Amino acid sequence: MSQEQKFIQKSPSQKKSFSELFEFSTLQYYTLPSIYILVFTISKLHQNYWIGIWIVYTLIPLCDEMFPIDLKNPTPEEQTKLEGQLKFKLPLYTCIFLDWFNLFYTLNYLLTGPEITFLNLFAFLVLNGNLAASNINISHELIHKDDILDQIMGTITLWRNMYLHFAIEHIYGHHKHVATPNDPASSRRGQSVYQFLPQTVVGSYASAWKIENSRCLLKYKTEYCLQNMMIWYTASYFILPLVFLYYYGLVGMSYFLLTVFNGILYLEIVNYIEHYGLSRKEISPGVYEQVNITHSWNAPHRISNYLLFKLQRHSDHHENAYKPYQTLCTFEKSPQLPHGYTVCIIAALNPKLWMSIMDESIESYQKNGKYVYNEKVQKQILGFIFKIGIVTTSITAFGFL
């Protein structure tokens, strides 16, 4: 069934019966913790880590196709009710605990467990790196909040991923300059992900220094002071790997750094797809229109939205940065990605395919001012999902032989 048909053919009663099942529940947000538990189980019962890759990049996209899309918004009254509920923070905190546990569990397994084949080692590294990246998303949710515990938990997660400067640049840089040439974390139309990655990694780090130096200069009359957080953050990037080297040796440090690399790579590819080709109007030299719901790509795909704690409702996040994930809304006037992030992340690695799909999506959105179903784009993306499914299923099956 096409996306357009999903928008049109689902009757109100059908939508209501399905959505009411999880309307004020947190069960759906334990999708990511469930994947962690799966990793532990695989390592105990079988060394085929491609099962995890298959679930993330084949089963979840298929479920996104099978389940009704996630269009229901909480009412203002429901948002107020949802905001103050601690139970919605528990899945976030659970993931942070599992991430640290998984790091040391898999590290010890790698060093002391049975020998792993090269094919399974590759899946082992990719899967655990993806899990680390998913927790950067959780830190993103937490650092936007005023609660001191949320701030601490978000910072600890960024520290584990050696990306502490993200807390500075994302809030005070990216949210201010998004969809303008001044934002290193916004991708331009026609820019491949491989061109974007050095721009965002180097540019975001430099931007964080600039922001923090300005803060210290204003508050302490000097950039060079102990209150400059970038000094401590940068020092930690050298100290933390040395700690792993001391306790776990070169192999342990290398594994840790590979999860960090994978996590940062995954995060920045997400940044790439979230704002690709979208720009704010320059109303006077160097001054741009206010950020609104048209400056970020959304994806209403249900299961990947649960997996990523509603990150795919990105337009509302940029217009209302401090809203908790469970209260974020989706809008008809926001641009819509052709599929959820788990598909778009892989598609972005193929610039020819990505630009073919997204350039047509941009032109359609600019022409119509809203999402309009495009059969050509959907055929391309479904064909891509099918190919990924064939590859991951074949390799997973081979792992059982």
Protein backbone atom coordinates (compact mmCIF):
# COMPACT_ATOMS: atom_id res chain seq x y z
CA MET A 1 0.00 0.00 0.00
CA SER A 2 1.34 3.44 -0.94
CA GLN A 3 1.98 6.24 1.52
CA GLU A 4 -0.80 8.28 -0.10
CA GLN A 5 -3.22 5.41 0.32
CA LYS A 6 -2.19 5.12 3.96
CA PHE A 7 -3.04 8.80 4.43
CA ILE A 8 -6.39 8.48 2.72
CA GLN A 9 -7.76 4.97 3.18
CA LYS A 10 -7.38 4.53 6.96
CA SER A 11 -10.73 5.37 8.51
CA PRO A 12 -10.83 7.40 11.76
CA SER A 13 -12.00 4.36 13.68
CA GLN A 14 -9.07 2.28 12.41
CA LYS A 15 -6.58 4.96 13.36
CA LYS A 16 -8.17 5.43 16.76
CA SER A 17 -8.24 1.75 17.66
CA PHE A 18 -4.56 1.29 16.87
CA SER A 19 -3.26 4.53 18.35
CA GLU A 20 -5.29 4.22 21.53
CA LEU A 21 -3.46 0.99 22.31
CA PHE A 22 -0.23 2.95 22.90
CA GLU A 23 -1.60 6.46 23.35
CA PHE A 24 -0.19 7.09 26.83
CA SER A 25 2.01 4.01 27.04
CA THR A 26 5.81 3.79 27.13
CA LEU A 27 5.96 0.16 25.95
CA GLN A 28 6.71 1.14 22.34
CA TYR A 29 9.72 3.15 23.47
CA TYR A 30 11.41 0.01 24.77
CA THR A 31 12.20 -0.99 21.16
CA LEU A 32 15.83 0.08 21.55
CA PRO A 33 16.33 -1.64 24.94
CA SER A 34 14.90 -4.79 23.34
CA ILE A 35 17.61 -4.66 20.67
CA TYR A 36 20.25 -4.40 23.40
CA ILE A 37 18.83 -7.49 25.07
CA LEU A 38 18.88 -9.23 21.69
CA VAL A 39 22.61 -8.48 21.35
CA PHE A 40 23.27 -10.05 24.75
CA THR A 41 21.20 -13.09 23.78
CA ILE A 42 22.96 -13.55 20.44
CA SER A 43 26.37 -13.49 22.10
CA LYS A 44 25.25 -16.20 24.52
CA LEU A 45 23.37 -18.50 22.13
CA HIS A 46 24.92 -17.87 18.73
CA GLN A 47 27.62 -15.67 17.26
CA ASN A 48 25.52 -14.53 14.31
CA TYR A 49 25.41 -10.76 14.88
CA TRP A 50 23.89 -10.30 11.43
CA ILE A 51 20.54 -11.06 13.09
CA GLY A 52 20.76 -7.63 14.71
CA ILE A 53 21.71 -5.97 11.42
CA TRP A 54 18.80 -7.75 9.73
CA ILE A 55 16.36 -6.52 12.37
CA VAL A 56 17.49 -2.89 12.18
CA TYR A 57 17.88 -2.53 8.41
CA THR A 58 15.34 -5.05 7.06
CA LEU A 59 12.70 -5.98 9.64
CA ILE A 60 12.13 -2.45 10.97
CA PRO A 61 11.76 -0.92 7.46
CA LEU A 62 9.31 -3.72 6.57
CA CYS A 63 7.36 -3.05 9.77
CA ASP A 64 7.31 0.65 8.85
CA GLU A 65 5.62 -0.38 5.61
CA MET A 66 3.17 -2.77 7.28
CA PHE A 67 2.03 -0.67 10.24
CA PRO A 68 -0.11 2.47 9.83
CA ILE A 69 1.94 5.65 9.72
CA ASP A 70 2.23 7.75 12.87
CA LEU A 71 0.13 10.88 12.27
CA LYS A 72 -1.69 11.30 15.57
CA ASN A 73 -0.74 14.42 17.53
CA PRO A 74 -1.47 14.86 21.22
CA THR A 75 -3.91 17.66 21.99
CA PRO A 76 -2.64 20.60 24.09
CA GLU A 77 -4.32 19.04 27.12
CA GLU A 78 -2.72 15.67 26.40
CA GLN A 79 0.68 17.31 25.92
CA THR A 80 0.39 18.86 29.37
CA LYS A 81 -0.53 15.48 30.82
CA LEU A 82 2.34 13.70 29.03
CA GLU A 83 5.05 16.26 29.83
CA GLY A 84 5.26 15.66 33.54
CA GLN A 85 5.23 11.86 33.53
CA LEU A 86 8.43 10.28 34.77
CA LYS A 87 7.63 6.99 33.05
CA PHE A 88 8.63 8.50 29.70
CA LYS A 89 12.14 9.16 31.01
CA LEU A 90 12.62 5.58 32.14
CA PRO A 91 13.20 4.17 28.61
CA LEU A 92 15.85 6.87 28.08
CA TYR A 93 17.65 6.11 31.34
CA THR A 94 17.36 2.39 30.66
CA CYS A 95 19.11 2.81 27.31
CA ILE A 96 21.94 4.78 28.92
CA PHE A 97 22.48 2.04 31.50
CA LEU A 98 22.34 -0.66 28.81
CA ASP A 99 24.76 1.28 26.61
CA TRP A 100 27.44 1.36 29.33
CA PHE A 101 26.75 -2.25 30.27
CA ASN A 102 26.90 -3.27 26.61
CA LEU A 103 30.21 -1.46 26.11
CA PHE A 104 32.00 -3.38 28.85
CA TYR A 105 30.11 -6.63 28.22
CA THR A 106 31.01 -6.72 24.52
CA LEU A 107 34.54 -5.51 25.26
CA ASN A 108 35.13 -8.41 27.63
CA TYR A 109 33.41 -10.79 25.23
CA LEU A 110 35.69 -9.65 22.41
CA LEU A 111 38.81 -10.10 24.52
CA THR A 112 37.97 -13.31 26.39
CA GLY A 113 35.14 -14.97 24.46
CA PRO A 114 35.31 -17.48 21.60
CA GLU A 115 36.93 -16.51 18.32
CA ILE A 116 34.65 -14.58 15.96
CA THR A 117 34.77 -14.94 12.17
CA PHE A 118 35.62 -11.85 10.15
CA LEU A 119 32.07 -11.60 8.77
CA ASN A 120 30.54 -11.73 12.24
CA LEU A 121 33.19 -9.38 13.63
CA PHE A 122 32.14 -6.80 11.03
CA ALA A 123 28.47 -7.16 12.05
CA PHE A 124 29.51 -7.09 15.73
CA LEU A 125 31.30 -3.74 15.26
CA VAL A 126 28.57 -2.17 13.11
CA LEU A 127 25.74 -3.27 15.40
CA ASN A 128 27.42 -2.09 18.60
CA GLY A 129 28.46 1.16 16.95
CA ASN A 130 24.86 1.72 15.87
CA LEU A 131 23.70 1.12 19.43
CA ALA A 132 26.21 3.70 20.68
CA ALA A 133 24.92 6.14 18.06
CA SER A 134 21.33 5.55 19.19
CA ASN A 135 22.38 6.72 22.63
CA ILE A 136 23.79 9.95 21.20
CA ASN A 137 20.19 10.50 20.08
CA ILE A 138 19.10 9.94 23.69
CA SER A 139 21.70 12.40 24.95
CA HIS A 140 20.31 14.83 22.36
CA GLU A 141 16.89 14.46 23.95
CA LEU A 142 18.26 14.96 27.48
CA ILE A 143 20.62 17.93 26.95
CA HIS A 144 17.67 19.96 25.69
CA LYS A 145 15.98 19.69 29.09
CA ASP A 146 16.40 21.92 32.16
CA ASP A 147 16.28 19.04 34.66
CA ILE A 148 19.72 18.59 36.25
CA LEU A 149 19.53 14.77 36.14
CA ASP A 150 18.69 14.87 32.44
CA GLN A 151 21.65 17.18 31.84
CA ILE A 152 24.02 14.87 33.74
CA MET A 153 22.80 11.72 31.99
CA GLY A 154 23.00 13.38 28.57
CA THR A 155 26.52 14.65 29.25
CA ILE A 156 27.72 11.23 30.47
CA THR A 157 26.47 9.67 27.24
CA LEU A 158 28.25 12.26 25.10
CA TRP A 159 31.42 11.70 27.13
CA ARG A 160 31.25 7.97 26.40
CA ASN A 161 30.99 8.84 22.69
CA MET A 162 33.78 11.47 22.83
CA TYR A 163 31.44 14.13 21.44
CA LEU A 164 30.91 16.43 24.40
CA HIS A 165 31.21 19.57 22.28
CA PHE A 166 27.94 18.51 20.60
CA ALA A 167 26.11 19.80 23.72
CA ILE A 168 27.44 23.31 23.05
CA GLU A 169 27.31 23.49 19.29
CA HIS A 170 23.98 21.74 18.84
CA ILE A 171 22.01 23.94 21.22
CA TYR A 172 23.74 27.30 20.66
CA GLY A 173 24.92 26.81 17.09
CA HIS A 174 22.84 24.34 15.12
CA HIS A 175 19.46 25.41 16.49
CA LYS A 176 20.33 29.04 15.81
CA HIS A 177 21.77 28.65 12.32
CA VAL A 178 19.97 25.55 11.01
CA ALA A 179 19.19 25.58 7.28
CA THR A 180 21.59 28.47 6.62
CA PRO A 181 25.15 28.58 5.23
CA ASN A 182 26.35 29.38 8.77
CA ASP A 183 25.43 25.92 10.05
CA PRO A 184 28.04 23.18 9.47
CA ALA A 185 25.43 20.54 10.41
CA SER A 186 23.00 21.48 7.59
CA SER A 187 23.58 19.82 4.22
CA ARG A 188 23.10 21.60 0.92
CA ARG A 189 21.21 20.26 -2.08
CA GLY A 190 23.62 18.41 -4.36
CA GLN A 191 26.12 17.86 -1.52
CA SER A 192 27.00 14.20 -0.99
CA VAL A 193 27.25 12.74 2.49
CA TYR A 194 30.97 12.25 1.89
CA GLN A 195 31.39 15.99 1.26
CA PHE A 196 29.18 16.78 4.23
CA LEU A 197 30.95 14.65 6.85
CA PRO A 198 34.23 16.62 7.06
CA GLN A 199 32.22 19.85 6.95
CA THR A 200 30.07 18.91 9.93
CA VAL A 201 32.68 17.10 12.06
CA VAL A 202 35.39 19.76 11.73
CA GLY A 203 32.97 22.68 11.47
CA SER A 204 30.91 21.69 14.51
CA TYR A 205 34.02 21.29 16.67
CA ALA A 206 35.33 24.69 15.54
CA SER A 207 31.90 26.24 16.10
CA ALA A 208 31.77 24.86 19.66
CA TRP A 209 35.15 26.49 20.43
CA LYS A 210 33.92 29.80 19.01
CA ILE A 211 30.69 29.70 21.02
CA GLU A 212 32.43 28.74 24.28
CA ASN A 213 35.23 31.28 23.78
CA SER A 214 32.64 34.01 23.29
CA ARG A 215 30.83 32.96 26.46
CA CYS A 216 34.02 33.00 28.53
CA LEU A 217 35.19 36.28 27.07
CA LEU A 218 31.88 37.89 27.95
CA LYS A 219 31.61 36.37 31.44
CA TYR A 220 35.25 36.02 32.56
CA LYS A 221 36.98 38.60 30.30
CA THR A 222 39.26 35.92 28.85
CA GLU A 223 38.97 32.86 26.63
CA TYR A 224 41.73 31.03 28.49
CA CYS A 225 40.20 30.03 31.80
CA LEU A 226 39.27 26.89 33.68
CA GLN A 227 35.61 27.69 33.08
CA ASN A 228 36.09 27.14 29.33
CA MET A 229 34.39 23.76 28.91
CA MET A 230 35.99 23.10 25.53
CA ILE A 231 39.39 22.81 27.21
CA TRP A 232 38.06 20.01 29.44
CA TYR A 233 36.08 18.38 26.66
CA THR A 234 39.08 18.30 24.33
CA ALA A 235 41.33 16.94 27.06
CA SER A 236 38.84 14.12 27.68
CA TYR A 237 39.13 13.07 24.03
CA PHE A 238 42.77 12.14 24.72
CA ILE A 239 42.37 10.84 28.27
CA LEU A 240 39.45 8.44 27.76
CA PRO A 241 41.13 6.30 25.05
CA LEU A 242 44.25 6.09 27.24
CA VAL A 243 42.11 4.74 30.10
CA PHE A 244 40.86 1.96 27.82
CA LEU A 245 44.40 1.34 26.62
CA TYR A 246 45.62 0.98 30.20
CA TYR A 247 42.87 -1.44 31.33
CA TYR A 248 42.07 -3.31 28.12
CA GLY A 249 45.16 -2.97 25.94
CA LEU A 250 45.43 -1.94 22.31
CA VAL A 251 42.58 -4.22 21.14
CA GLY A 252 40.24 -2.87 23.81
CA MET A 253 41.07 0.74 23.02
CA SER A 254 40.66 0.07 19.29
CA TYR A 255 37.23 -1.48 19.84
CA PHE A 256 36.15 1.47 21.97
CA LEU A 257 37.35 3.95 19.33
CA LEU A 258 35.57 2.02 16.58
CA THR A 259 32.27 2.29 18.48
CA VAL A 260 32.93 6.01 18.92
CA PHE A 261 33.73 6.44 15.22
CA ASN A 262 30.62 4.49 14.22
CA GLY A 263 28.47 6.49 16.63
CA ILE A 264 29.69 9.86 15.37
CA LEU A 265 29.38 8.72 11.76
CA TYR A 266 25.80 7.59 12.33
CA LEU A 267 24.90 10.84 14.13
CA GLU A 268 26.27 13.04 11.38
CA ILE A 269 24.57 11.04 8.62
CA VAL A 270 21.33 11.62 10.51
CA ASN A 271 22.15 15.35 10.55
CA TYR A 272 22.74 15.10 6.80
CA ILE A 273 19.31 13.65 6.03
CA GLU A 274 17.39 15.83 8.51
CA HIS A 275 17.93 19.11 6.67
CA TYR A 276 19.15 18.08 3.22
CA GLY A 277 18.47 20.76 0.61
CA LEU A 278 16.25 22.88 2.89
CA SER A 279 17.09 26.52 3.50
CA ARG A 280 15.72 29.56 5.29
CA LYS A 281 15.11 32.73 3.32
CA GLU A 282 17.67 35.50 3.75
CA ILE A 283 15.55 38.55 4.51
CA SER A 284 18.55 40.93 4.68
CA PRO A 285 22.33 40.38 4.41
CA GLY A 286 23.26 37.76 7.02
CA VAL A 287 19.75 37.75 8.56
CA TYR A 288 17.43 34.80 7.96
CA GLU A 289 13.76 34.12 8.56
CA GLN A 290 12.71 32.47 11.81
CA VAL A 291 13.09 28.70 12.02
CA ASN A 292 9.78 26.97 11.34
CA ILE A 293 8.31 23.56 10.53
CA THR A 294 9.37 23.75 6.87
CA HIS A 295 13.11 23.61 7.61
CA SER A 296 13.44 19.95 8.67
CA TRP A 297 12.48 16.66 7.08
CA ASN A 298 9.97 14.52 8.97
CA ALA A 299 9.15 10.82 8.65
CA PRO A 300 5.82 9.47 9.94
CA HIS A 301 6.98 5.84 9.89
CA ARG A 302 5.81 4.32 13.12
CA ILE A 303 8.33 1.69 14.21
CA SER A 304 11.46 3.70 13.39
CA ASN A 305 9.83 6.62 15.23
CA TYR A 306 9.51 4.44 18.33
CA LEU A 307 13.10 3.25 17.92
CA LEU A 308 14.38 6.83 17.76
CA PHE A 309 12.09 8.40 20.37
CA LYS A 310 10.15 10.54 17.86
CA LEU A 311 13.32 12.13 16.42
CA GLN A 312 11.66 11.82 13.01
CA ARG A 313 9.18 14.52 14.08
CA HIS A 314 12.12 16.84 13.62
CA SER A 315 10.29 19.93 12.43
CA ASP A 316 8.47 20.32 15.74
CA HIS A 317 11.72 19.72 17.63
CA HIS A 318 13.38 22.65 15.85
CA GLU A 319 10.43 24.95 16.36
CA ASN A 320 9.99 23.85 20.01
CA ALA A 321 13.41 22.56 21.09
CA TYR A 322 12.53 21.89 24.73
CA LYS A 323 9.44 19.75 24.12
CA PRO A 324 9.78 16.18 25.44
CA TYR A 325 9.83 13.54 22.72
CA GLN A 326 6.42 12.09 23.68
CA THR A 327 4.70 15.45 22.96
CA LEU A 328 6.24 16.20 19.56
CA CYS A 329 3.79 16.72 16.71
CA THR A 330 3.76 16.07 12.99
CA PHE A 331 2.50 18.60 10.44
CA GLU A 332 1.05 18.32 6.95
CA LYS A 333 3.07 21.34 5.81
CA SER A 334 6.40 19.86 6.87
CA PRO A 335 8.50 18.12 4.22
CA GLN A 336 8.37 14.34 4.47
CA LEU A 337 11.19 11.87 3.85
CA PRO A 338 10.37 8.93 1.59
CA HIS A 339 11.01 6.51 4.47
CA GLY A 340 12.23 6.23 8.06
CA TYR A 341 15.77 7.00 9.15
CA THR A 342 16.93 3.36 9.12
CA VAL A 343 16.39 3.32 5.33
CA CYS A 344 17.47 6.89 4.59
CA ILE A 345 20.78 6.50 6.44
CA ILE A 346 21.79 3.61 4.15
CA ALA A 347 20.36 5.33 1.05
CA ALA A 348 22.45 8.44 1.79
CA LEU A 349 25.60 6.34 1.41
CA ASN A 350 24.71 6.02 -2.29
CA PRO A 351 24.80 9.67 -3.46
CA LYS A 352 23.35 8.93 -6.89
CA LEU A 353 20.32 7.15 -5.43
CA TRP A 354 19.91 9.65 -2.58
CA MET A 355 19.98 12.73 -4.82
CA SER A 356 17.66 11.13 -7.35
CA ILE A 357 15.10 10.48 -4.62
CA MET A 358 15.55 13.65 -2.59
CA ASP A 359 15.88 16.18 -5.38
CA GLU A 360 12.54 15.03 -6.76
CA SER A 361 11.07 15.16 -3.24
CA ILE A 362 12.37 18.72 -2.77
CA GLU A 363 10.90 19.87 -6.09
CA SER A 364 7.55 18.27 -5.28
CA TYR A 365 7.47 19.89 -1.85
CA GLN A 366 8.43 23.33 -3.19
CA LYS A 367 5.73 23.07 -5.86
CA ASN A 368 2.91 21.84 -3.60
CA GLY A 369 3.87 23.24 -0.19
CA LYS A 370 3.18 19.87 1.45
CA TYR A 371 3.83 16.15 1.05
CA VAL A 372 2.39 14.68 -2.13
CA TYR A 373 2.74 10.97 -2.86
CA ASN A 374 5.27 10.29 -5.62
CA GLU A 375 5.00 6.84 -7.14
CA LYS A 376 8.42 7.02 -8.80
CA VAL A 377 10.17 7.90 -5.53
CA GLN A 378 8.31 5.18 -3.61
CA LYS A 379 9.21 2.56 -6.20
CA GLN A 380 12.86 3.57 -5.92
CA ILE A 381 12.89 3.41 -2.14
CA LEU A 382 10.95 0.12 -1.96
CA GLY A 383 13.31 -1.39 -4.51
CA PHE A 384 16.23 -0.27 -2.37
CA ILE A 385 14.67 -1.81 0.77
CA PHE A 386 14.19 -5.06 -1.15
CA LYS A 387 17.87 -5.12 -2.20
CA ILE A 388 19.07 -4.41 1.34
CA GLY A 389 16.73 -7.13 2.58
CA ILE A 390 18.13 -9.67 0.12
CA VAL A 391 21.71 -8.88 1.21
CA THR A 392 21.10 -8.90 4.98
CA THR A 393 18.86 -12.00 4.83
CA SER A 394 21.39 -13.93 2.75
CA ILE A 395 24.31 -13.06 5.02
CA THR A 396 22.26 -13.80 8.15
CA ALA A 397 21.21 -17.18 6.76
CA PHE A 398 24.81 -17.93 5.79
CA GLY A 399 25.85 -17.24 9.39
CA PHE A 400 23.75 -20.20 10.58
CA LEU A 401 25.48 -22.65 8.25
